Amino acid sequence: MHAEPGRSVLVVDDDERFATTLAQALERRGWRASVAHGSSAALSAAQSTALDAAIVDLRLGTEDGLALLQPLRALRAQMRILVLTGYASIATAVKAIKLGADDYLAKPVTASAVADALARGERAARGDAAPPAEPMSARRLEWEHIQRVLTENDGNISATARTLHMHRRTLQRKLAKRPTQ
């Protein structure tokens, strides 16, 4: 799916390499892409450019990417906002949607998946939206949440199991079965 010529998108991510690579991939798909690596740079870019979409990382270094959603929405109500995260959970997905995100994608994510999410928004604006072909499964969301808690506990399985109120062996079985979606 190619975007209409002249559509503009802002990629907000503290990982400079990822943000630049994603912006270049979106440009090849017909978007005018710009990059910001923090909240203040993102808001400055959004104020100076009429954006059609913004792609915001959940964690911007020490900043919370979700704090950007309402200011971005206030600048342009019809802007499509996608939240990307390496720490996917149902709670953050719900919070992101409540704060104004139109879509929520878990990293690692391909440029094609991001472009598809942007295209879904364009189709929805025209009134011919189709549901996503493969939404993230509950198993995948659970696995992503376990990975986030495991990282917060520095890889300690026992501490992670206690945090998740789960038996250690159950956690080990879940970690051994990585879901595909």
N, C-alpha and C. Protein backbone atom coordinates (compact mmCIF):
# COMPACT_ATOMS: atom_id res chain seq x y z
N MET A 1 0.84 -1.18 0.00
CA MET A 1 0.00 0.00 0.00
C MET A 1 0.88 1.24 0.00
N HIS A 2 0.67 2.09 -0.94
CA HIS A 2 1.40 3.35 -0.97
C HIS A 2 0.49 4.46 -0.48
N ALA A 3 1.07 5.40 0.22
CA ALA A 3 0.32 6.56 0.70
C ALA A 3 0.12 7.52 -0.45
N GLU A 4 -0.84 8.40 -0.27
CA GLU A 4 -1.03 9.45 -1.26
C GLU A 4 0.19 10.35 -1.26
N PRO A 5 0.58 10.89 -2.43
CA PRO A 5 1.75 11.77 -2.46
C PRO A 5 1.57 12.94 -1.52
N GLY A 6 2.63 13.28 -0.83
CA GLY A 6 2.60 14.45 0.04
C GLY A 6 2.13 14.18 1.45
N ARG A 7 1.80 12.96 1.79
CA ARG A 7 1.39 12.66 3.16
C ARG A 7 2.63 12.74 4.05
N SER A 8 2.46 13.30 5.24
CA SER A 8 3.62 13.50 6.12
C SER A 8 3.47 12.73 7.42
N VAL A 9 4.60 12.19 7.88
CA VAL A 9 4.63 11.39 9.10
C VAL A 9 5.85 11.78 9.92
N LEU A 10 5.67 11.79 11.23
CA LEU A 10 6.76 12.06 12.17
C LEU A 10 7.05 10.77 12.93
N VAL A 11 8.31 10.34 12.90
CA VAL A 11 8.74 9.15 13.64
C VAL A 11 9.45 9.63 14.90
N VAL A 12 8.90 9.27 16.07
CA VAL A 12 9.46 9.70 17.35
C VAL A 12 9.97 8.46 18.08
N ASP A 13 11.30 8.33 18.13
CA ASP A 13 11.91 7.17 18.78
C ASP A 13 13.31 7.58 19.25
N ASP A 14 13.70 7.15 20.44
CA ASP A 14 15.03 7.48 20.95
C ASP A 14 16.12 6.63 20.32
N ASP A 15 15.76 5.55 19.66
CA ASP A 15 16.71 4.72 18.94
C ASP A 15 16.92 5.36 17.56
N GLU A 16 17.99 6.11 17.42
CA GLU A 16 18.22 6.89 16.21
C GLU A 16 18.29 6.03 14.95
N ARG A 17 18.95 4.90 15.04
CA ARG A 17 19.07 4.03 13.87
C ARG A 17 17.70 3.50 13.43
N PHE A 18 16.91 3.02 14.39
CA PHE A 18 15.58 2.51 14.08
C PHE A 18 14.71 3.61 13.47
N ALA A 19 14.71 4.80 14.10
CA ALA A 19 13.87 5.90 13.62
C ALA A 19 14.25 6.30 12.20
N THR A 20 15.54 6.40 11.92
CA THR A 20 16.00 6.79 10.58
C THR A 20 15.65 5.72 9.56
N THR A 21 15.85 4.46 9.92
CA THR A 21 15.54 3.36 9.00
C THR A 21 14.05 3.32 8.70
N LEU A 22 13.22 3.47 9.73
CA LEU A 22 11.77 3.46 9.53
C LEU A 22 11.34 4.65 8.67
N ALA A 23 11.89 5.81 8.93
CA ALA A 23 11.55 7.01 8.13
C ALA A 23 11.91 6.79 6.67
N GLN A 24 13.08 6.24 6.41
CA GLN A 24 13.49 5.98 5.02
C GLN A 24 12.57 4.97 4.35
N ALA A 25 12.18 3.93 5.09
CA ALA A 25 11.27 2.92 4.52
C ALA A 25 9.91 3.54 4.20
N LEU A 26 9.44 4.42 5.06
CA LEU A 26 8.15 5.08 4.81
C LEU A 26 8.25 6.05 3.63
N GLU A 27 9.39 6.69 3.48
CA GLU A 27 9.59 7.58 2.33
C GLU A 27 9.54 6.79 1.03
N ARG A 28 10.09 5.57 1.03
CA ARG A 28 10.01 4.72 -0.17
C ARG A 28 8.57 4.33 -0.47
N ARG A 29 7.71 4.42 0.53
CA ARG A 29 6.29 4.09 0.34
C ARG A 29 5.43 5.32 0.11
N GLY A 30 6.07 6.46 -0.15
CA GLY A 30 5.34 7.67 -0.53
C GLY A 30 5.06 8.67 0.57
N TRP A 31 5.59 8.47 1.74
CA TRP A 31 5.40 9.42 2.85
C TRP A 31 6.55 10.41 2.90
N ARG A 32 6.27 11.63 3.31
CA ARG A 32 7.32 12.59 3.67
C ARG A 32 7.56 12.36 5.16
N ALA A 33 8.71 11.86 5.51
CA ALA A 33 8.97 11.47 6.89
C ALA A 33 10.01 12.37 7.54
N SER A 34 9.76 12.69 8.80
CA SER A 34 10.76 13.40 9.60
C SER A 34 10.92 12.61 10.90
N VAL A 35 12.02 12.89 11.60
CA VAL A 35 12.39 12.12 12.78
C VAL A 35 12.62 13.06 13.96
N ALA A 36 12.18 12.62 15.13
CA ALA A 36 12.47 13.32 16.39
C ALA A 36 12.87 12.25 17.40
N HIS A 37 13.79 12.59 18.31
CA HIS A 37 14.28 11.60 19.26
C HIS A 37 13.85 11.87 20.69
N GLY A 38 13.00 12.86 20.91
CA GLY A 38 12.51 13.17 22.25
C GLY A 38 11.22 13.96 22.17
N SER A 39 10.58 14.17 23.31
CA SER A 39 9.29 14.85 23.38
C SER A 39 9.34 16.28 22.87
N SER A 40 10.33 17.04 23.34
CA SER A 40 10.39 18.46 22.94
C SER A 40 10.64 18.60 21.44
N ALA A 41 11.52 17.78 20.89
CA ALA A 41 11.78 17.82 19.45
C ALA A 41 10.54 17.40 18.67
N ALA A 42 9.80 16.43 19.18
CA ALA A 42 8.58 15.96 18.50
C ALA A 42 7.52 17.05 18.49
N LEU A 43 7.32 17.71 19.62
CA LEU A 43 6.31 18.77 19.67
C LEU A 43 6.70 19.95 18.79
N SER A 44 7.98 20.28 18.77
CA SER A 44 8.47 21.35 17.90
C SER A 44 8.22 21.01 16.43
N ALA A 45 8.53 19.79 16.05
CA ALA A 45 8.30 19.36 14.66
C ALA A 45 6.82 19.36 14.32
N ALA A 46 5.99 18.93 15.26
CA ALA A 46 4.54 18.87 15.02
C ALA A 46 3.93 20.26 14.91
N GLN A 47 4.50 21.22 15.61
CA GLN A 47 3.99 22.59 15.54
C GLN A 47 4.39 23.27 14.24
N SER A 48 5.53 22.89 13.68
CA SER A 48 6.02 23.55 12.47
C SER A 48 5.59 22.85 11.18
N THR A 49 5.02 21.66 11.26
CA THR A 49 4.62 20.90 10.08
C THR A 49 3.21 20.36 10.27
N ALA A 50 2.39 20.45 9.23
CA ALA A 50 1.05 19.85 9.28
C ALA A 50 1.20 18.35 9.04
N LEU A 51 1.18 17.59 10.11
CA LEU A 51 1.41 16.14 10.01
C LEU A 51 0.11 15.38 9.78
N ASP A 52 0.22 14.34 8.98
CA ASP A 52 -0.91 13.44 8.77
C ASP A 52 -0.84 12.26 9.74
N ALA A 53 0.36 11.94 10.21
CA ALA A 53 0.54 10.80 11.11
C ALA A 53 1.77 10.99 11.98
N ALA A 54 1.74 10.32 13.13
CA ALA A 54 2.90 10.29 14.02
C ALA A 54 3.05 8.87 14.54
N ILE A 55 4.29 8.43 14.60
CA ILE A 55 4.63 7.11 15.13
C ILE A 55 5.49 7.37 16.36
N VAL A 56 4.96 6.99 17.53
CA VAL A 56 5.59 7.35 18.79
C VAL A 56 5.99 6.10 19.56
N ASP A 57 7.26 6.04 19.98
CA ASP A 57 7.73 4.94 20.82
C ASP A 57 7.19 5.15 22.23
N LEU A 58 6.82 4.06 22.89
CA LEU A 58 6.28 4.13 24.24
C LEU A 58 7.30 4.70 25.22
N ARG A 59 8.55 4.28 25.07
CA ARG A 59 9.61 4.79 25.95
C ARG A 59 10.62 5.56 25.13
N LEU A 60 10.79 6.81 25.47
CA LEU A 60 11.75 7.68 24.80
C LEU A 60 12.88 7.97 25.77
N GLY A 61 13.76 7.01 25.95
CA GLY A 61 14.82 7.15 26.95
C GLY A 61 14.19 7.17 28.33
N THR A 62 14.31 8.30 29.02
CA THR A 62 13.70 8.44 30.35
C THR A 62 12.31 9.04 30.28
N GLU A 63 11.88 9.43 29.08
CA GLU A 63 10.56 10.05 28.91
C GLU A 63 9.50 9.01 28.57
N ASP A 64 8.25 9.35 28.88
CA ASP A 64 7.12 8.50 28.56
C ASP A 64 6.51 8.99 27.25
N GLY A 65 6.57 8.14 26.22
CA GLY A 65 6.02 8.52 24.92
C GLY A 65 4.52 8.77 24.96
N LEU A 66 3.82 8.13 25.89
CA LEU A 66 2.37 8.33 25.99
C LEU A 66 2.02 9.77 26.36
N ALA A 67 2.94 10.47 27.02
CA ALA A 67 2.70 11.87 27.37
C ALA A 67 2.61 12.76 26.14
N LEU A 68 3.08 12.29 25.01
CA LEU A 68 3.02 13.06 23.75
C LEU A 68 1.68 12.96 23.05
N LEU A 69 0.90 11.93 23.35
CA LEU A 69 -0.30 11.66 22.57
C LEU A 69 -1.32 12.79 22.61
N GLN A 70 -1.66 13.27 23.79
CA GLN A 70 -2.66 14.33 23.88
C GLN A 70 -2.17 15.65 23.26
N PRO A 71 -0.94 16.09 23.51
CA PRO A 71 -0.47 17.31 22.84
C PRO A 71 -0.46 17.18 21.31
N LEU A 72 -0.07 16.01 20.80
CA LEU A 72 -0.09 15.81 19.35
C LEU A 72 -1.52 15.85 18.82
N ARG A 73 -2.44 15.21 19.53
CA ARG A 73 -3.84 15.19 19.12
C ARG A 73 -4.43 16.60 19.18
N ALA A 74 -4.01 17.39 20.16
CA ALA A 74 -4.50 18.76 20.28
C ALA A 74 -4.02 19.63 19.11
N LEU A 75 -2.82 19.36 18.59
CA LEU A 75 -2.30 20.12 17.47
C LEU A 75 -3.04 19.81 16.17
N ARG A 76 -3.43 18.55 16.01
CA ARG A 76 -4.15 18.14 14.78
C ARG A 76 -5.02 16.94 15.11
N ALA A 77 -6.30 17.20 15.28
CA ALA A 77 -7.25 16.17 15.73
C ALA A 77 -7.33 14.97 14.79
N GLN A 78 -7.18 15.17 13.49
CA GLN A 78 -7.32 14.07 12.54
C GLN A 78 -6.03 13.32 12.28
N MET A 79 -4.95 13.69 12.96
CA MET A 79 -3.66 13.00 12.79
C MET A 79 -3.79 11.54 13.24
N ARG A 80 -3.23 10.64 12.46
CA ARG A 80 -3.19 9.21 12.82
C ARG A 80 -1.98 9.01 13.73
N ILE A 81 -2.19 8.44 14.91
CA ILE A 81 -1.09 8.24 15.87
C ILE A 81 -0.94 6.75 16.14
N LEU A 82 0.27 6.25 15.89
CA LEU A 82 0.61 4.86 16.17
C LEU A 82 1.61 4.83 17.32
N VAL A 83 1.43 3.92 18.25
CA VAL A 83 2.37 3.74 19.35
C VAL A 83 3.12 2.43 19.10
N LEU A 84 4.44 2.51 19.16
CA LEU A 84 5.29 1.33 19.04
C LEU A 84 5.92 1.06 20.40
N THR A 85 6.07 -0.22 20.73
CA THR A 85 6.72 -0.53 21.99
C THR A 85 7.37 -1.90 21.97
N GLY A 86 8.46 -1.99 22.67
CA GLY A 86 9.11 -3.27 22.90
C GLY A 86 8.62 -3.88 24.20
N TYR A 87 7.70 -3.20 24.88
CA TYR A 87 7.17 -3.61 26.18
C TYR A 87 5.66 -3.72 26.10
N ALA A 88 5.16 -4.48 25.16
CA ALA A 88 3.72 -4.58 24.94
C ALA A 88 3.01 -5.25 26.11
N SER A 89 1.89 -4.66 26.48
CA SER A 89 1.02 -5.26 27.48
C SER A 89 -0.39 -4.74 27.22
N ILE A 90 -1.35 -5.46 27.72
CA ILE A 90 -2.74 -5.03 27.55
C ILE A 90 -2.95 -3.69 28.24
N ALA A 91 -2.36 -3.52 29.42
CA ALA A 91 -2.55 -2.27 30.17
C ALA A 91 -2.02 -1.06 29.40
N THR A 92 -0.83 -1.17 28.81
CA THR A 92 -0.29 -0.02 28.07
C THR A 92 -1.05 0.19 26.76
N ALA A 93 -1.55 -0.88 26.17
CA ALA A 93 -2.35 -0.73 24.95
C ALA A 93 -3.62 0.03 25.24
N VAL A 94 -4.30 -0.33 26.32
CA VAL A 94 -5.54 0.36 26.70
C VAL A 94 -5.25 1.82 27.03
N LYS A 95 -4.18 2.05 27.79
CA LYS A 95 -3.83 3.42 28.16
C LYS A 95 -3.51 4.26 26.92
N ALA A 96 -2.77 3.68 25.98
CA ALA A 96 -2.42 4.40 24.75
C ALA A 96 -3.66 4.78 23.96
N ILE A 97 -4.59 3.86 23.83
CA ILE A 97 -5.81 4.13 23.08
C ILE A 97 -6.64 5.21 23.78
N LYS A 98 -6.73 5.12 25.10
CA LYS A 98 -7.48 6.12 25.87
C LYS A 98 -6.87 7.51 25.73
N LEU A 99 -5.54 7.57 25.60
CA LEU A 99 -4.86 8.86 25.48
C LEU A 99 -4.84 9.40 24.04
N GLY A 100 -5.36 8.62 23.09
CA GLY A 100 -5.49 9.14 21.74
C GLY A 100 -4.79 8.38 20.63
N ALA A 101 -4.14 7.27 20.95
CA ALA A 101 -3.48 6.49 19.90
C ALA A 101 -4.54 5.80 19.04
N ASP A 102 -4.26 5.70 17.75
CA ASP A 102 -5.16 5.00 16.83
C ASP A 102 -4.77 3.54 16.67
N ASP A 103 -3.51 3.24 16.93
CA ASP A 103 -3.03 1.87 16.77
C ASP A 103 -1.85 1.65 17.70
N TYR A 104 -1.56 0.39 17.99
CA TYR A 104 -0.53 0.00 18.96
C TYR A 104 0.17 -1.22 18.39
N LEU A 105 1.46 -1.11 18.12
CA LEU A 105 2.21 -2.20 17.53
C LEU A 105 3.39 -2.56 18.42
N ALA A 106 3.63 -3.86 18.57
CA ALA A 106 4.74 -4.34 19.39
C ALA A 106 5.99 -4.49 18.55
N LYS A 107 7.12 -4.05 19.10
CA LYS A 107 8.42 -4.27 18.46
C LYS A 107 8.87 -5.67 18.79
N PRO A 108 9.60 -6.33 17.98
CA PRO A 108 10.12 -5.81 16.72
C PRO A 108 9.00 -5.71 15.69
N VAL A 109 9.02 -4.63 14.94
CA VAL A 109 7.99 -4.38 13.94
C VAL A 109 8.66 -4.05 12.61
N THR A 110 8.06 -4.49 11.55
CA THR A 110 8.62 -4.20 10.23
C THR A 110 8.03 -2.91 9.69
N ALA A 111 8.75 -2.32 8.76
CA ALA A 111 8.25 -1.11 8.11
C ALA A 111 6.95 -1.41 7.38
N SER A 112 6.81 -2.62 6.86
CA SER A 112 5.56 -3.00 6.18
C SER A 112 4.39 -3.01 7.14
N ALA A 113 4.60 -3.50 8.36
CA ALA A 113 3.52 -3.51 9.36
C ALA A 113 3.11 -2.09 9.73
N VAL A 114 4.09 -1.19 9.85
CA VAL A 114 3.79 0.20 10.16
C VAL A 114 3.04 0.85 8.99
N ALA A 115 3.52 0.61 7.77
CA ALA A 115 2.85 1.16 6.59
C ALA A 115 1.43 0.62 6.48
N ASP A 116 1.23 -0.65 6.79
CA ASP A 116 -0.12 -1.23 6.77
C ASP A 116 -1.03 -0.56 7.79
N ALA A 117 -0.49 -0.28 8.98
CA ALA A 117 -1.28 0.39 10.01
C ALA A 117 -1.65 1.81 9.57
N LEU A 118 -0.72 2.50 8.92
CA LEU A 118 -1.03 3.83 8.39
C LEU A 118 -2.08 3.74 7.29
N ALA A 119 -1.96 2.73 6.44
CA ALA A 119 -2.92 2.55 5.34
C ALA A 119 -4.31 2.22 5.89
N ARG A 120 -4.38 1.43 6.96
CA ARG A 120 -5.68 1.14 7.59
C ARG A 120 -6.35 2.43 8.03
N GLY A 121 -5.56 3.35 8.55
CA GLY A 121 -6.11 4.64 8.97
C GLY A 121 -6.65 5.43 7.79
N GLU A 122 -5.93 5.41 6.68
CA GLU A 122 -6.40 6.10 5.49
C GLU A 122 -7.68 5.47 4.96
N ARG A 123 -7.73 4.14 4.98
CA ARG A 123 -8.96 3.46 4.52
C ARG A 123 -10.11 3.78 5.46
N ALA A 124 -9.85 3.83 6.76
CA ALA A 124 -10.91 4.15 7.72
C ALA A 124 -11.43 5.57 7.49
N ALA A 125 -10.52 6.50 7.19
CA ALA A 125 -10.93 7.88 6.93
C ALA A 125 -11.84 7.96 5.70
N ARG A 126 -11.60 7.06 4.73
CA ARG A 126 -12.44 7.02 3.52
C ARG A 126 -13.70 6.20 3.74
N GLY A 127 -13.77 5.47 4.86
CA GLY A 127 -14.94 4.68 5.16
C GLY A 127 -14.89 3.25 4.64
N ASP A 128 -13.74 2.80 4.18
CA ASP A 128 -13.65 1.42 3.67
C ASP A 128 -12.62 0.60 4.45
N ALA A 129 -12.65 0.77 5.77
CA ALA A 129 -11.68 0.07 6.63
C ALA A 129 -12.01 -1.40 6.76
N ALA A 130 -10.98 -2.20 6.80
CA ALA A 130 -11.12 -3.63 7.04
C ALA A 130 -10.39 -3.95 8.34
N PRO A 131 -10.85 -4.95 9.07
CA PRO A 131 -10.15 -5.31 10.30
C PRO A 131 -8.75 -5.81 9.99
N PRO A 132 -7.82 -5.69 10.94
CA PRO A 132 -6.47 -6.17 10.69
C PRO A 132 -6.49 -7.66 10.36
N ALA A 133 -5.63 -8.06 9.44
CA ALA A 133 -5.58 -9.46 9.01
C ALA A 133 -5.19 -10.37 10.16
N GLU A 134 -4.21 -9.95 10.96
CA GLU A 134 -3.75 -10.78 12.06
C GLU A 134 -3.49 -9.92 13.29
N PRO A 135 -4.52 -9.69 14.13
CA PRO A 135 -4.28 -8.92 15.35
C PRO A 135 -3.37 -9.71 16.29
N MET A 136 -2.71 -9.00 17.20
CA MET A 136 -1.82 -9.66 18.14
C MET A 136 -2.63 -10.57 19.06
N SER A 137 -2.20 -11.78 19.20
CA SER A 137 -2.93 -12.76 20.02
C SER A 137 -2.71 -12.48 21.50
N ALA A 138 -3.61 -13.01 22.31
CA ALA A 138 -3.47 -12.88 23.77
C ALA A 138 -2.20 -13.57 24.24
N ARG A 139 -1.86 -14.69 23.60
CA ARG A 139 -0.63 -15.42 23.96
C ARG A 139 0.59 -14.54 23.71
N ARG A 140 0.60 -13.84 22.57
CA ARG A 140 1.73 -12.96 22.25
C ARG A 140 1.81 -11.79 23.23
N LEU A 141 0.65 -11.19 23.55
CA LEU A 141 0.64 -10.10 24.53
C LEU A 141 1.17 -10.56 25.88
N GLU A 142 0.75 -11.74 26.30
CA GLU A 142 1.23 -12.29 27.57
C GLU A 142 2.74 -12.49 27.51
N TRP A 143 3.24 -13.04 26.42
CA TRP A 143 4.67 -13.30 26.28
C TRP A 143 5.45 -11.99 26.32
N GLU A 144 4.94 -10.97 25.64
CA GLU A 144 5.62 -9.66 25.65
C GLU A 144 5.66 -9.09 27.07
N HIS A 145 4.56 -9.22 27.80
CA HIS A 145 4.51 -8.72 29.17
C HIS A 145 5.50 -9.47 30.06
N ILE A 146 5.55 -10.79 29.90
CA ILE A 146 6.52 -11.59 30.67
C ILE A 146 7.94 -11.13 30.37
N GLN A 147 8.24 -10.87 29.10
CA GLN A 147 9.58 -10.42 28.72
C GLN A 147 9.92 -9.08 29.37
N ARG A 148 8.95 -8.17 29.43
CA ARG A 148 9.18 -6.86 30.04
C ARG A 148 9.49 -7.02 31.53
N VAL A 149 8.67 -7.84 32.22
CA VAL A 149 8.89 -8.06 33.66
C VAL A 149 10.21 -8.78 33.90
N LEU A 150 10.54 -9.72 33.03
CA LEU A 150 11.83 -10.43 33.14
C LEU A 150 12.99 -9.45 33.00
N THR A 151 12.89 -8.53 32.06
CA THR A 151 13.93 -7.51 31.87
C THR A 151 14.03 -6.62 33.11
N GLU A 152 12.88 -6.21 33.66
CA GLU A 152 12.89 -5.38 34.86
C GLU A 152 13.53 -6.09 36.04
N ASN A 153 13.48 -7.42 36.04
CA ASN A 153 14.09 -8.21 37.12
C ASN A 153 15.47 -8.73 36.72
N ASP A 154 16.10 -8.10 35.75
CA ASP A 154 17.45 -8.44 35.29
C ASP A 154 17.61 -9.92 34.95
N GLY A 155 16.57 -10.51 34.35
CA GLY A 155 16.64 -11.89 33.91
C GLY A 155 16.45 -12.92 35.00
N ASN A 156 16.12 -12.50 36.21
CA ASN A 156 15.93 -13.41 37.33
C ASN A 156 14.56 -14.07 37.22
N ILE A 157 14.54 -15.37 36.92
CA ILE A 157 13.28 -16.11 36.71
C ILE A 157 12.46 -16.16 38.00
N SER A 158 13.10 -16.42 39.13
CA SER A 158 12.37 -16.53 40.39
C SER A 158 11.70 -15.21 40.76
N ALA A 159 12.44 -14.10 40.63
CA ALA A 159 11.87 -12.79 40.95
C ALA A 159 10.73 -12.44 39.98
N THR A 160 10.89 -12.79 38.71
CA THR A 160 9.85 -12.53 37.72
C THR A 160 8.60 -13.34 38.05
N ALA A 161 8.77 -14.61 38.41
CA ALA A 161 7.63 -15.45 38.77
C ALA A 161 6.89 -14.87 39.97
N ARG A 162 7.63 -14.39 40.97
CA ARG A 162 6.98 -13.77 42.14
C ARG A 162 6.21 -12.52 41.72
N THR A 163 6.82 -11.68 40.88
CA THR A 163 6.17 -10.45 40.43
C THR A 163 4.88 -10.76 39.68
N LEU A 164 4.91 -11.81 38.87
CA LEU A 164 3.75 -12.18 38.05
C LEU A 164 2.76 -13.08 38.80
N HIS A 165 3.07 -13.42 40.06
CA HIS A 165 2.23 -14.33 40.85
C HIS A 165 2.03 -15.65 40.11
N MET A 166 3.16 -16.22 39.69
CA MET A 166 3.15 -17.42 38.87
C MET A 166 4.19 -18.38 39.43
N HIS A 167 3.93 -19.67 39.33
CA HIS A 167 4.92 -20.66 39.76
C HIS A 167 6.11 -20.58 38.81
N ARG A 168 7.31 -20.76 39.35
CA ARG A 168 8.54 -20.64 38.56
C ARG A 168 8.56 -21.61 37.39
N ARG A 169 8.13 -22.84 37.59
CA ARG A 169 8.13 -23.82 36.50
C ARG A 169 7.14 -23.44 35.40
N THR A 170 6.00 -22.90 35.80
CA THR A 170 5.01 -22.44 34.82
C THR A 170 5.62 -21.34 33.96
N LEU A 171 6.30 -20.41 34.62
CA LEU A 171 6.97 -19.32 33.89
C LEU A 171 8.01 -19.89 32.93
N GLN A 172 8.80 -20.84 33.37
CA GLN A 172 9.82 -21.43 32.50
C GLN A 172 9.19 -22.10 31.28
N ARG A 173 8.05 -22.78 31.46
CA ARG A 173 7.36 -23.40 30.32
C ARG A 173 6.87 -22.33 29.34
N LYS A 174 6.33 -21.25 29.87
CA LYS A 174 5.83 -20.17 29.01
C LYS A 174 6.98 -19.52 28.23
N LEU A 175 8.11 -19.36 28.88
CA LEU A 175 9.27 -18.76 28.21
C LEU A 175 9.82 -19.66 27.11
N ALA A 176 9.67 -20.96 27.28
CA ALA A 176 10.17 -21.90 26.28
C ALA A 176 9.30 -21.94 25.03
N LYS A 177 8.05 -21.49 25.15
CA LYS A 177 7.09 -21.53 24.04
C LYS A 177 6.83 -20.12 23.54
N ARG A 178 7.71 -19.59 22.75
CA ARG A 178 7.53 -18.24 22.20
C ARG A 178 6.44 -18.26 21.13
N PRO A 179 5.39 -17.46 21.31
CA PRO A 179 4.32 -17.43 20.29
C PRO A 179 4.80 -16.74 19.01
N THR A 180 4.22 -17.13 17.89
CA THR A 180 4.61 -16.55 16.61
C THR A 180 3.89 -15.24 16.37
N GLN A 181 2.70 -15.07 16.88
CA GLN A 181 1.95 -13.83 16.67
C GLN A 181 1.56 -13.23 17.96
